[in-house]
Protein backbone atom coordinates (compact mmCIF):
# COMPACT_ATOMS: atom_id res chain seq x y z
CA MET A 1 3.03 -48.48 32.12
CA THR A 2 6.04 -48.66 34.24
CA ASP A 3 8.70 -46.23 35.49
CA GLU A 4 11.57 -48.51 34.77
CA LEU A 5 14.51 -47.22 33.82
CA PRO A 6 16.24 -48.84 30.27
CA ASP A 7 18.35 -51.95 30.70
CA ARG A 8 21.77 -50.13 30.20
CA SER A 9 24.04 -53.76 30.60
CA GLY A 10 25.45 -54.09 27.23
CA ARG A 11 26.21 -49.81 26.56
CA TRP A 12 29.89 -49.66 25.72
CA PRO A 13 31.85 -47.66 28.44
CA VAL A 14 33.90 -44.06 27.57
CA TRP A 15 37.14 -46.09 27.64
CA LEU A 16 36.28 -48.60 25.18
CA LEU A 17 34.55 -45.85 22.74
CA ALA A 18 37.81 -43.59 23.15
CA VAL A 19 39.95 -46.96 22.09
CA VAL A 20 37.89 -47.26 19.15
CA LEU A 21 38.16 -43.40 18.03
CA TYR A 22 42.14 -43.31 19.19
CA PRO A 23 42.89 -44.35 15.22
CA LEU A 24 40.92 -41.51 13.88
CA ALA A 25 41.29 -38.69 16.41
CA ALA A 26 45.33 -39.79 16.26
CA GLY A 27 45.12 -39.16 12.62
CA ALA A 28 42.93 -35.84 12.66
CA ALA A 29 45.58 -34.32 15.72
CA ALA A 30 48.44 -35.27 13.22
CA VAL A 31 46.90 -34.07 10.06
CA ASN A 32 45.89 -30.63 11.89
CA LEU A 33 49.17 -30.47 13.87
CA PHE A 34 50.95 -31.24 10.56
CA PHE A 35 49.01 -28.03 8.69
CA LEU A 36 48.81 -25.28 11.74
CA THR A 37 52.60 -25.87 11.60
CA LEU A 38 52.81 -25.14 7.94
CA MET A 39 50.39 -22.00 8.71
CA THR A 40 52.95 -20.42 11.34
CA GLN A 41 55.63 -20.25 8.59
CA ALA A 42 54.29 -17.04 8.22
CA ILE A 43 55.05 -15.46 11.02
CA GLY A 44 58.56 -17.00 11.08
CA LEU A 45 58.41 -20.20 12.74
CA SER A 46 59.55 -23.91 11.22
CA ALA A 47 57.22 -26.51 10.10
CA LEU A 48 57.26 -30.15 12.10
CA THR A 49 58.22 -32.54 9.24
CA PRO A 50 55.52 -35.50 8.88
CA VAL A 51 57.16 -37.96 10.97
CA GLN A 52 56.85 -35.24 13.48
CA SER A 53 53.36 -34.74 13.27
CA ILE A 54 52.47 -38.35 13.62
CA ILE A 55 54.56 -38.57 16.95
CA GLY A 56 52.10 -35.23 18.00
CA GLY A 57 48.93 -36.91 16.61
CA VAL A 58 49.70 -40.21 18.42
CA VAL A 59 50.65 -38.61 21.86
CA LEU A 60 47.43 -35.87 21.47
CA GLY A 61 45.21 -38.72 19.71
CA VAL A 62 45.00 -39.90 23.77
CA PRO A 63 43.38 -37.24 25.46
CA PHE A 64 41.43 -36.22 21.98
CA ALA A 65 40.08 -39.73 21.96
CA TRP A 66 38.56 -39.71 25.53
CA ILE A 67 37.26 -36.56 24.68
CA ALA A 68 35.64 -38.47 21.59
CA GLY A 69 34.40 -40.62 23.50
CA LYS A 70 32.90 -39.12 26.56
CA TRP A 71 30.67 -36.80 23.60
CA MET A 72 29.92 -40.22 21.88
CA ARG A 73 28.54 -41.80 24.97
CA GLY A 74 26.71 -38.66 25.56
CA LEU A 75 25.37 -38.94 22.10
CA ILE A 76 24.20 -42.17 22.72
CA ASP A 77 22.77 -41.69 26.33
CA LYS A 78 20.48 -38.97 24.70
CA ALA A 79 19.76 -40.92 21.80
CA GLU A 80 18.63 -44.24 24.32
CA ASP A 81 16.69 -41.78 26.22
CA GLU A 82 14.76 -40.40 23.81
CA ALA A 83 13.62 -43.99 21.97
């Protein structure tokens, strides 16, 4: 029985996970932004157009994808440590 660390040479870095998750994060951000502004009409604010929401999703998708990539990297590390 050896106490060696597992081989992590083939692991995906956070930035690569973020790139892969970016389309999902940007799409989710756009949809949620659109629906959020629809709900703000109840207090007198105007809703964003779908195009404005997509542009907002493209911008907000970057930090959301990075956060999702860090979260996914943590889950993968935890799963590999338990295996």
